[in-house]
C-alpha atoms as a PDB file:
ATOM      1  CA  MET A   1      -8.806  21.400  20.211  1.00  0.00           C
ATOM      2  CA  VAL A   2      -8.949  24.056  17.493  1.00  0.00           C
ATOM      3  CA  SER A   3      -6.504  25.342  14.933  1.00  0.00           C
ATOM      4  CA  GLU A   4      -5.066  28.868  14.852  1.00  0.00           C
ATOM      5  CA  SER A   5      -7.940  29.869  12.577  1.00  0.00           C
ATOM      6  CA  GLY A   6     -10.408  28.799  15.256  1.00  0.00           C
ATOM      7  CA  SER A   7     -11.780  25.836  13.280  1.00  0.00           C
ATOM      8  CA  ALA A   8     -11.590  22.195  14.262  1.00  0.00           C
ATOM      9  CA  PRO A   9      -8.507  20.359  12.978  1.00  0.00           C
ATOM     10  CA  PRO A  10      -9.155  18.253   9.868  1.00  0.00           C
ATOM     11  CA  HIS A  11     -10.024  14.610  10.374  1.00  0.00           C
ATOM     12  CA  PRO A  12      -8.607  11.742   8.336  1.00  0.00           C
ATOM     13  CA  LEU A  13     -10.753   9.084   6.720  1.00  0.00           C
ATOM     14  CA  PRO A  14     -12.207   6.538   9.181  1.00  0.00           C
ATOM     15  CA  GLY A  15      -9.401   4.787  11.032  1.00  0.00           C
ATOM     16  CA  ALA A  16      -6.846   7.049   9.293  1.00  0.00           C
ATOM     17  CA  VAL A  17      -6.765   4.767   6.255  1.00  0.00           C
ATOM     18  CA  GLY A  18      -5.185   5.724   2.944  1.00  0.00           C
ATOM     19  CA  LEU A  19      -7.172   5.793  -0.299  1.00  0.00           C
ATOM     20  CA  SER A  20      -6.239   5.467  -3.955  1.00  0.00           C
ATOM     21  CA  HIS A  21      -7.662   4.153  -7.211  1.00  0.00           C
ATOM     22  CA  LEU A  22      -5.624   1.720  -9.267  1.00  0.00           C
ATOM     23  CA  THR A  23      -5.565   0.191 -12.720  1.00  0.00           C
ATOM     24  CA  PRO A  24      -2.994  -2.641 -13.018  1.00  0.00           C
ATOM     25  CA  TYR A  25      -0.323  -2.348 -15.648  1.00  0.00           C
ATOM     26  CA  ASP A  26      -1.116  -4.086 -18.926  1.00  0.00           C
ATOM     27  CA  TRP A  27       2.571  -4.756 -19.609  1.00  0.00           C
ATOM     28  CA  GLU A  28       3.317  -8.444 -20.106  1.00  0.00           C
ATOM     29  CA  ALA A  29       6.002  -9.847 -17.801  1.00  0.00           C
ATOM     30  CA  ALA A  30       8.509 -12.629 -18.484  1.00  0.00           C
ATOM     31  CA  ASP A  31       6.066 -15.272 -17.192  1.00  0.00           C
ATOM     32  CA  GLY A  32       3.391 -14.138 -19.659  1.00  0.00           C
ATOM     33  CA  VAL A  33       1.243 -12.365 -17.056  1.00  0.00           C
ATOM     34  CA  CYS A  34       0.191  -8.708 -17.308  1.00  0.00           C
ATOM     35  CA  GLY A  35       0.179  -6.843 -14.028  1.00  0.00           C
ATOM     36  CA  GLY A  36       2.001  -4.988 -11.308  1.00  0.00           C
ATOM     37  CA  SER A  37       5.172  -5.255  -9.258  1.00  0.00           C
ATOM     38  CA  PRO A  38       5.074  -7.939  -6.538  1.00  0.00           C
ATOM     39  CA  HIS A  39       5.863  -6.582  -3.082  1.00  0.00           C
ATOM     40  CA  LEU A  40       4.928  -6.805   0.584  1.00  0.00           C
ATOM     41  CA  HIS A  41       4.108  -4.323   3.330  1.00  0.00           C
ATOM     42  CA  LEU A  42       5.833  -4.587   6.695  1.00  0.00           C
ATOM     43  CA  VAL A  43       3.161  -3.141   9.007  1.00  0.00           C
ATOM     44  CA  CYS A  44       0.109  -2.301   6.873  1.00  0.00           C
ATOM     45  CA  THR A  45      -2.886  -4.406   5.888  1.00  0.00           C
ATOM     46  CA  GLU A  46      -4.148  -3.553   2.392  1.00  0.00           C
ATOM     47  CA  ALA A  47      -7.613  -4.071   0.876  1.00  0.00           C
ATOM     48  CA  TYR A  48      -8.851  -4.062  -2.715  1.00  0.00           C
ATOM     49  CA  VAL A  49     -12.458  -3.133  -3.515  1.00  0.00           C
ATOM     50  CA  VAL A  50     -13.081  -3.985  -7.167  1.00  0.00           C
ATOM     51  CA  THR A  51     -15.131  -1.390  -9.045  1.00  0.00           C
ATOM     52  CA  GLY A  52     -14.714  -2.564 -12.622  1.00  0.00           C
ATOM     53  CA  GLY A  53     -13.249  -5.163 -14.961  1.00  0.00           C
ATOM     54  CA  ARG A  54     -11.657  -8.454 -14.016  1.00  0.00           C
ATOM     55  CA  GLY A  55      -8.325  -9.802 -12.906  1.00  0.00           C
ATOM     56  CA  ALA A  56      -6.718 -11.390  -9.874  1.00  0.00           C
ATOM     57  CA  VAL A  57      -4.355 -10.837  -6.999  1.00  0.00           C
ATOM     58  CA  GLN A  58      -1.644 -13.447  -6.545  1.00  0.00           C
ATOM     59  CA  THR A  59      -0.397 -13.811  -2.976  1.00  0.00           C
ATOM     60  CA  LEU A  60       2.506 -15.595  -1.306  1.00  0.00           C
ATOM     61  CA  SER A  61       2.475 -16.191   2.438  1.00  0.00           C
ATOM     62  CA  PRO A  62       3.874 -18.946   4.679  1.00  0.00           C
ATOM     63  CA  ASP A  63       0.534 -20.760   4.325  1.00  0.00           C
ATOM     64  CA  GLY A  64       0.906 -21.011   0.552  1.00  0.00           C
ATOM     65  CA  TYR A  65       0.303 -19.483  -2.874  1.00  0.00           C
ATOM     66  CA  ARG A  66      -3.141 -18.164  -3.825  1.00  0.00           C
ATOM     67  CA  ASP A  67      -4.626 -16.717  -7.007  1.00  0.00           C
ATOM     68  CA  ILE A  68      -7.676 -14.744  -5.853  1.00  0.00           C
ATOM     69  CA  PRO A  69     -10.146 -13.763  -8.617  1.00  0.00           C
ATOM     70  CA  LEU A  70     -11.185 -10.109  -8.730  1.00  0.00           C
ATOM     71  CA  GLU A  71     -14.451  -8.941 -10.264  1.00  0.00           C
ATOM     72  CA  PRO A  72     -16.839  -6.032  -9.628  1.00  0.00           C
ATOM     73  CA  GLY A  73     -18.067  -6.087  -6.035  1.00  0.00           C
ATOM     74  CA  SER A  74     -15.400  -8.439  -4.707  1.00  0.00           C
ATOM     75  CA  VAL A  75     -13.096  -7.460  -1.854  1.00  0.00           C
ATOM     76  CA  ALA A  76      -9.692  -8.954  -1.042  1.00  0.00           C
ATOM     77  CA  TRP A  77      -7.252  -7.975   1.683  1.00  0.00           C
ATOM     78  CA  PHE A  78      -3.926  -9.229   2.980  1.00  0.00           C
ATOM     79  CA  THR A  79      -1.909  -8.761   6.130  1.00  0.00           C
ATOM     80  CA  PRO A  80       1.661  -7.484   6.602  1.00  0.00           C
ATOM     81  CA  GLY A  81       4.265  -9.851   5.184  1.00  0.00           C
ATOM     82  CA  THR A  82       2.029 -11.151   2.375  1.00  0.00           C
ATOM     83  CA  VAL A  83       3.640 -10.791  -1.049  1.00  0.00           C
ATOM     84  CA  HIS A  84       0.989  -9.626  -3.509  1.00  0.00           C
ATOM     85  CA  ARG A  85       0.871  -9.078  -7.249  1.00  0.00           C
ATOM     86  CA  MET A  86      -2.136  -7.531  -8.971  1.00  0.00           C
ATOM     87  CA  VAL A  87      -2.905  -9.191 -12.309  1.00  0.00           C
ATOM     88  CA  GLN A  88      -4.771  -7.501 -15.144  1.00  0.00           C
ATOM     89  CA  GLY A  89      -7.566  -9.545 -16.716  1.00  0.00           C
ATOM     90  CA  GLY A  90      -9.285  -6.790 -18.664  1.00  0.00           C
ATOM     91  CA  GLY A  91     -10.310  -3.306 -17.553  1.00  0.00           C
ATOM     92  CA  LEU A  92      -9.606  -4.069 -13.882  1.00  0.00           C
ATOM     93  CA  ARG A  93     -10.217  -1.039 -11.668  1.00  0.00           C
ATOM     94  CA  VAL A  94      -9.696  -1.174  -7.913  1.00  0.00           C
ATOM     95  CA  THR A  95     -10.195   1.166  -4.983  1.00  0.00           C
ATOM     96  CA  VAL A  96      -7.350   0.571  -2.536  1.00  0.00           C
ATOM     97  CA  LEU A  97      -7.783   1.040   1.217  1.00  0.00           C
ATOM     98  CA  MET A  98      -4.499   1.093   3.082  1.00  0.00           C
ATOM     99  CA  GLN A  99      -4.006   0.841   6.821  1.00  0.00           C
ATOM    100  CA  ASN A 100      -1.830   3.489   8.500  1.00  0.00           C
ATOM    101  CA  SER A 101      -1.993   6.218   5.885  1.00  0.00           C
ATOM    102  CA  GLY A 102       1.445   7.746   5.448  1.00  0.00           C
ATOM    103  CA  LEU A 103       3.451   4.631   6.289  1.00  0.00           C
ATOM    104  CA  PRO A 104       3.335   3.033   2.811  1.00  0.00           C
ATOM    105  CA  GLU A 105       4.492   6.352   1.349  1.00  0.00           C
ATOM    106  CA  ALA A 106       7.304   6.378   3.926  1.00  0.00           C
ATOM    107  CA  GLY A 107       8.733   3.093   2.646  1.00  0.00           C
ATOM    108  CA  ASP A 108       6.607   0.384   4.292  1.00  0.00           C
ATOM    109  CA  ALA A 109       6.575  -1.580   1.010  1.00  0.00           C
ATOM    110  CA  VAL A 110       9.483  -3.703  -0.271  1.00  0.00           C
ATOM    111  CA  PHE A 111       9.728  -5.161  -3.782  1.00  0.00           C
ATOM    112  CA  THR A 112      10.544  -8.821  -4.396  1.00  0.00           C
ATOM    113  CA  PHE A 113      13.830  -8.029  -6.125  1.00  0.00           C
ATOM    114  CA  PRO A 114      16.383 -10.876  -6.396  1.00  0.00           C
ATOM    115  CA  PRO A 115      18.407 -11.605  -3.229  1.00  0.00           C
ATOM    116  CA  GLU A 116      21.576  -9.932  -4.501  1.00  0.00           C
ATOM    117  CA  VAL A 117      19.671  -6.645  -4.911  1.00  0.00           C
ATOM    118  CA  LEU A 118      18.003  -6.920  -1.499  1.00  0.00           C
ATOM    119  CA  ALA A 119      21.405  -7.504   0.111  1.00  0.00           C
ATOM    120  CA  ASP A 120      22.696  -4.091  -1.011  1.00  0.00           C
ATOM    121  CA  PRO A 121      20.607  -1.140   0.304  1.00  0.00           C
ATOM    122  CA  ARG A 122      22.059   1.281  -2.240  1.00  0.00           C
ATOM    123  CA  ARG A 123      21.408  -1.057  -5.135  1.00  0.00           C
ATOM    124  CA  TYR A 124      17.876  -1.702  -3.852  1.00  0.00           C
ATOM    125  CA  ALA A 125      17.155   2.022  -3.548  1.00  0.00           C
ATOM    126  CA  ALA A 126      18.403   2.680  -7.068  1.00  0.00           C
ATOM    127  CA  ALA A 127      16.280  -0.144  -8.494  1.00  0.00           C
ATOM    128  CA  ALA A 128      13.158   1.014  -6.620  1.00  0.00           C
ATOM    129  CA  ALA A 129      13.396   4.718  -7.520  1.00  0.00           C
ATOM    130  CA  LEU A 130      11.493   6.309 -10.392  1.00  0.00           C
ATOM    131  CA  PRO A 131      12.175   9.615 -12.164  1.00  0.00           C
ATOM    132  CA  PRO A 132       9.556  12.296 -11.432  1.00  0.00           C
ATOM    133  CA  GLY A 133       6.578  12.825 -13.679  1.00  0.00           C
ATOM    134  CA  THR A 134       4.299  10.596 -15.732  1.00  0.00           C
ATOM    135  CA  GLY A 135       6.055  10.605 -19.094  1.00  0.00           C
ATOM    136  CA  PRO A 136       7.718   7.871 -21.179  1.00  0.00           C
ATOM    137  CA  GLU A 137      10.942   7.913 -19.139  1.00  0.00           C
ATOM    138  CA  THR A 138       9.036   7.242 -15.923  1.00  0.00           C
ATOM    139  CA  ALA A 139       6.930   4.561 -17.612  1.00  0.00           C
ATOM    140  CA  ALA A 140      10.048   2.757 -18.844  1.00  0.00           C
ATOM    141  CA  ALA A 141      11.621   2.884 -15.370  1.00  0.00           C
ATOM    142  CA  ALA A 142       8.401   1.586 -13.777  1.00  0.00           C
ATOM    143  CA  ARG A 143       8.364  -1.315 -16.226  1.00  0.00           C
ATOM    144  CA  ARG A 144      12.013  -2.178 -15.507  1.00  0.00           C
ATOM    145  CA  ARG A 145      11.258  -2.079 -11.790  1.00  0.00           C
ATOM    146  CA  ARG A 146       8.238  -4.345 -12.278  1.00  0.00           C
ATOM    147  CA  ASP A 147      10.260  -6.823 -14.333  1.00  0.00           C
ATOM    148  CA  LEU A 148      12.997  -7.010 -11.685  1.00  0.00           C
ATOM    149  CA  ALA A 149      10.393  -7.610  -8.965  1.00  0.00           C
ATOM    150  CA  VAL A 150       8.780 -10.363 -11.040  1.00  0.00           C
ATOM    151  CA  GLU A 151      12.191 -11.991 -11.507  1.00  0.00           C
ATOM    152  CA  GLY A 152      12.563 -12.414  -7.757  1.00  0.00           C
ATOM    153  CA  TYR A 153       8.896 -13.233  -7.251  1.00  0.00           C
ATOM    154  CA  VAL A 154       8.863 -16.181  -9.657  1.00  0.00           C
ATOM    155  CA  GLY A 155      11.586 -17.931  -7.658  1.00  0.00           C
ATOM    156  CA  LEU A 156       9.720 -17.368  -4.395  1.00  0.00           C
ATOM    157  CA  ARG A 157       6.504 -18.706  -5.897  1.00  0.00           C
ATOM    158  CA  GLU A 158       8.107 -21.790  -7.412  1.00  0.00           C
ATOM    159  CA  ALA A 159       9.718 -22.703  -4.102  1.00  0.00           C
ATOM    160  CA  LEU A 160       6.488 -22.173  -2.168  1.00  0.00           C
ATOM    161  CA  VAL A 161       4.426 -24.262  -4.588  1.00  0.00           C
ATOM    162  CA  ALA A 162       7.064 -27.002  -4.247  1.00  0.00           C
ATOM    163  CA  GLY A 163       6.544 -26.964  -0.478  1.00  0.00           C
ATOM    164  CA  ASP A 164       9.601 -24.909   0.497  1.00  0.00           C
ATOM    165  CA  PRO A 165       8.683 -21.674   2.342  1.00  0.00           C
ATOM    166  CA  GLU A 166      12.278 -20.810   3.287  1.00  0.00           C
ATOM    167  CA  PRO A 167      13.008 -18.471   0.312  1.00  0.00           C
ATOM    168  CA  LEU A 168       9.864 -16.495   1.172  1.00  0.00           C
ATOM    169  CA  LEU A 169      10.826 -16.349   4.847  1.00  0.00           C
ATOM    170  CA  ALA A 170      14.318 -15.209   3.852  1.00  0.00           C
ATOM    171  CA  PHE A 171      12.799 -12.461   1.712  1.00  0.00           C
ATOM    172  CA  GLN A 172      10.638 -11.318   4.644  1.00  0.00           C
ATOM    173  CA  ARG A 173      13.729 -11.119   6.846  1.00  0.00           C
ATOM    174  CA  ALA A 174      15.646  -9.183   4.206  1.00  0.00           C
ATOM    175  CA  ALA A 175      12.739  -6.765   3.750  1.00  0.00           C
ATOM    176  CA  ALA A 176      12.592  -6.136   7.496  1.00  0.00           C
ATOM    177  CA  GLY A 177      16.315  -5.433   7.550  1.00  0.00           C
ATOM    178  CA  LEU A 178      16.029  -2.893   4.725  1.00  0.00           C
ATOM    179  CA  VAL A 179      13.460  -0.759   6.576  1.00  0.00           C
ATOM    180  CA  ARG A 180      14.537  -1.130  10.211  1.00  0.00           C
ATOM    181  CA  GLU A 181      16.145   2.305  10.438  1.00  0.00           C
ATOM    182  CA  ARG A 182      12.880   3.935   9.336  1.00  0.00           C
ATOM    183  CA  VAL A 183      10.878   2.667  12.319  1.00  0.00           C
ATOM    184  CA  PRO A 184      11.222   5.880  14.402  1.00  0.00           C
ATOM    185  CA  VAL A 185       9.722   7.931  11.559  1.00  0.00           C
ATOM    186  CA  TRP A 186       6.949   5.374  11.067  1.00  0.00           C
ATOM    187  CA  ARG A 187       6.160   5.436  14.762  1.00  0.00           C
ATOM    188  CA  GLY A 188       5.637   9.199  14.573  1.00  0.00           C
ATOM    189  CA  LEU A 189       3.308   8.844  11.576  1.00  0.00           C
ATOM    190  CA  TRP A 190       1.350   6.102  13.338  1.00  0.00           C
ATOM    191  CA  ARG A 191       0.966   8.171  16.503  1.00  0.00           C
ATOM    192  CA  ALA A 192      -0.258  11.182  14.526  1.00  0.00           C
ATOM    193  CA  GLY A 193      -2.574   9.082  12.359  1.00  0.00           C
ATOM    194  CA  ALA A 194      -4.083   5.729  13.284  1.00  0.00           C
ATOM    195  CA  LEU A 195      -3.305   5.921  17.007  1.00  0.00           C
ATOM    196  CA  ALA A 196      -4.628   9.480  17.286  1.00  0.00           C
ATOM    197  CA  ALA A 197      -7.848   8.423  15.526  1.00  0.00           C
ATOM    198  CA  ALA A 198      -8.370   5.561  17.968  1.00  0.00           C
ATOM    199  CA  GLU A 199      -7.609   7.787  20.954  1.00  0.00           C
ATOM    200  CA  ARG A 200     -10.080  10.382  19.646  1.00  0.00           C
ATOM    201  CA  THR A 201     -12.799   7.727  19.726  1.00  0.00           C
ATOM    202  CA  GLY A 202     -11.842   6.853  23.294  1.00  0.00           C
ATOM    203  CA  ALA A 203     -12.148  10.493  24.316  1.00  0.00           C
ATOM    204  CA  GLN A 204     -15.573  10.692  22.680  1.00  0.00           C
ATOM    205  CA  LEU A 205     -16.746   7.598  24.548  1.00  0.00           C
ATOM    206  CA  ASP A 206     -15.517   9.138  27.793  1.00  0.00           C
ATOM    207  CA  ALA A 207     -17.436  12.324  27.004  1.00  0.00           C
ATOM    208  CA  LEU A 208     -20.640  10.416  26.291  1.00  0.00           C
ATOM    209  CA  ALA A 209     -20.305   8.421  29.486  1.00  0.00           C
ATOM    210  CA  ALA A 210     -19.905  11.672  31.416  1.00  0.00           C
ATOM    211  CA  ASP A 211     -22.935  13.216  29.666  1.00  0.00           C
ATOM    212  CA  GLU A 212     -20.694  15.896  28.120  1.00  0.00           C
ATOM    213  CA  PRO A 213     -21.147  15.565  24.334  1.00  0.00           C
ATOM    214  CA  SER A 214     -19.872  19.065  23.628  1.00  0.00           C
ATOM    215  CA  TYR A 215     -17.489  17.703  20.978  1.00  0.00           C
ATOM    216  CA  LEU A 216     -20.526  17.200  18.725  1.00  0.00           C
ATOM    217  CA  ALA A 217     -20.744  20.962  18.286  1.00  0.00           C
ATOM    218  CA  GLY A 218     -17.684  20.696  16.043  1.00  0.00           C
ATOM    219  CA  ALA A 219     -19.321  18.230  13.652  1.00  0.00           C
ATOM    220  CA  THR A 220     -18.647  18.929   9.985  1.00  0.00           C
ATOM    221  CA  ALA A 221     -18.147  17.258   6.595  1.00  0.00           C
ATOM    222  CA  TYR A 222     -15.217  17.046   4.183  1.00  0.00           C
ATOM    223  CA  GLU A 223     -14.714  16.359   0.519  1.00  0.00           C
ATOM    224  CA  THR A 224     -11.700  15.792  -1.660  1.00  0.00           C
ATOM    225  CA  ALA A 225     -10.625  14.797  -5.152  1.00  0.00           C
ATOM    226  CA  PRO A 226      -7.515  13.156  -6.602  1.00  0.00           C
ATOM    227  CA  THR A 227      -4.445  15.323  -6.212  1.00  0.00           C
ATOM    228  CA  ARG A 228      -2.463  13.281  -8.716  1.00  0.00           C
ATOM    229  CA  ARG A 229      -3.866  11.183 -11.557  1.00  0.00           C
ATOM    230  CA  GLU A 230      -2.304   8.351 -13.518  1.00  0.00           C
ATOM    231  CA  GLY A 231       0.872   8.186 -11.469  1.00  0.00           C
ATOM    232  CA  PHE A 232       3.093   5.102 -11.603  1.00  0.00           C
ATOM    233  CA  GLY A 233       2.461   3.024  -8.496  1.00  0.00           C
ATOM    234  CA  MET A 234       3.758  -0.386  -7.518  1.00  0.00           C
ATOM    235  CA  CYS A 235       0.806  -2.275  -8.997  1.00  0.00           C
ATOM    236  CA  GLY A 236      -0.291   0.040 -11.792  1.00  0.00           C
ATOM    237  CA  ARG A 237      -1.459   3.500 -12.782  1.00  0.00           C
ATOM    238  CA  ARG A 238      -2.630   5.233  -9.626  1.00  0.00           C
ATOM    239  CA  ASP A 239      -4.926   8.124  -8.739  1.00  0.00           C
ATOM    240  CA  GLU A 240      -3.718   9.502  -5.410  1.00  0.00           C
ATOM    241  CA  TYR A 241      -5.336  11.616  -2.704  1.00  0.00           C
ATOM    242  CA  THR A 242      -3.844  13.955  -0.137  1.00  0.00           C
ATOM    243  CA  LEU A 243      -6.359  13.480   2.667  1.00  0.00           C
ATOM    244  CA  PRO A 244      -7.222  15.764   5.585  1.00  0.00           C
ATOM    245  CA  GLY A 245      -5.378  15.025   8.778  1.00  0.00           C
ATOM    246  CA  THR A 246      -2.684  12.875   7.164  1.00  0.00           C
ATOM    247  CA  THR A 247       0.972  13.572   6.636  1.00  0.00           C
ATOM    248  CA  ALA A 248       2.171  13.625   3.046  1.00  0.00           C
ATOM    249  CA  VAL A 249       5.521  11.906   2.544  1.00  0.00           C
END
């Protein structure tokens, strides 16, 4: 398949993963911890590759609470439904690899806001939104959003540590309810991204088995650079990439 210009269509990163670089917020929260906004992803596994500094990622899942140390060279990842909170320990710098590029940007993540906020989609949307840009107004809104997420998170963590997973399970159910109507859009992004990448590999294997490796004639290389620096992400200041073959949302 070629584009209208006659060149091969651009390929995403391996497996159609998303890529960003992240520095956790150094704002202190009500529990005395500096870090990002706790949240979960509904259908995406996320990985942290630590490139500098130190810190931790706190996770809540039905199997318990964990505080995973992060230092240069360490890798941590967590599956859909795992609440995670990146904690700043000093100069922490992380490369983030995200499954299903495009889905997180399309709303796959849900903050751990208190139950009364989660119960009202309009109130949730207002609390989760940030003004455009990277100035003081956006920073203040990002900090308010983080603080509200920590407020809900602390209750979930206390219950889980006490042996009661039900508040966490209730949050998971509420998060699923908030995003259910977006599933058709997500399915389209998945088909165009991760599924298409896997099917491309299948077609290549078929070609090799048939001794017809003509697809190799289209081999090429790509490069890119951050398209937005120091944006306000869920966990911290974020360098973002618009990658070949992915859909920007």
